[in-house]
């Protein structure tokens, strides 16, 4: 896809899962990719430019953006993919306020700081693509996942705000809403659910697969392909959209 060739992209949460495959896809299509996460060995193994950063903090976001622009140039594609899952959450009246704060900081405040830092330059240059990884939980809440549900819903408000503010300047902003994907984060969720219910993680995944018409869960590559399109020049007519990647299911 020529629509990303030569473009500078910052992909967060790129050490594993959706972020890793997205970064590899963009690099294969000619983008100049900086990857960031909190774990250096995973980033180093990708063979791409990387910066280790805590994207749950303003300083971490500023560091990631500054290093990207210093090494590669102005950021033209921002993929906000990092996040905390809901494996350790409880029902709302038992939810630890510290866990709430951490989840909101990573899943919502981090993308805000990154958007604030990056979109200004996109507007000045008259081009940009911003893609957020939200979740179907933004539309249909999961049980005992108040912080996760809220943060992913909040991302949609942020995405739409960026679309409105940047639209006049050829900056698009969209979100992907994956259903269940067998990432490491989702595996932890399955293990926690299995322990609570006294069943196996494989049984949890079988139940999740049955939620979708094809009887399977989404693959990481399927999500990355949608992100890749939204990050491209060819997606210029799409902005402010929350796109479910969930095989026709709702969760």
Foldseek 3Di string as FASTA:
>chain_A
DQQQAAAEEEFEPCLWFLSVLLQVVSVVNHHQYEYEEQDPVSRVVSVHHYDYFQLLDLVRLVVSLVVSCVVRNAHAEYEAEDFAFQQPFFAPVPGDVVVLSSRLSNLAVSVVSNCVVRLVVLLVVLGHFYEYEAALCCVVPDGRRVSNNVSSVNVLVVQLVSQVVRVVRLYAGEYEHFYDEPIPNVLSNLCSVCVVVVHDSVVVQQVSLVQAPVSHGDYSVQRSVVSVCSRGPNVSVDHSYYHYPTNPGSD
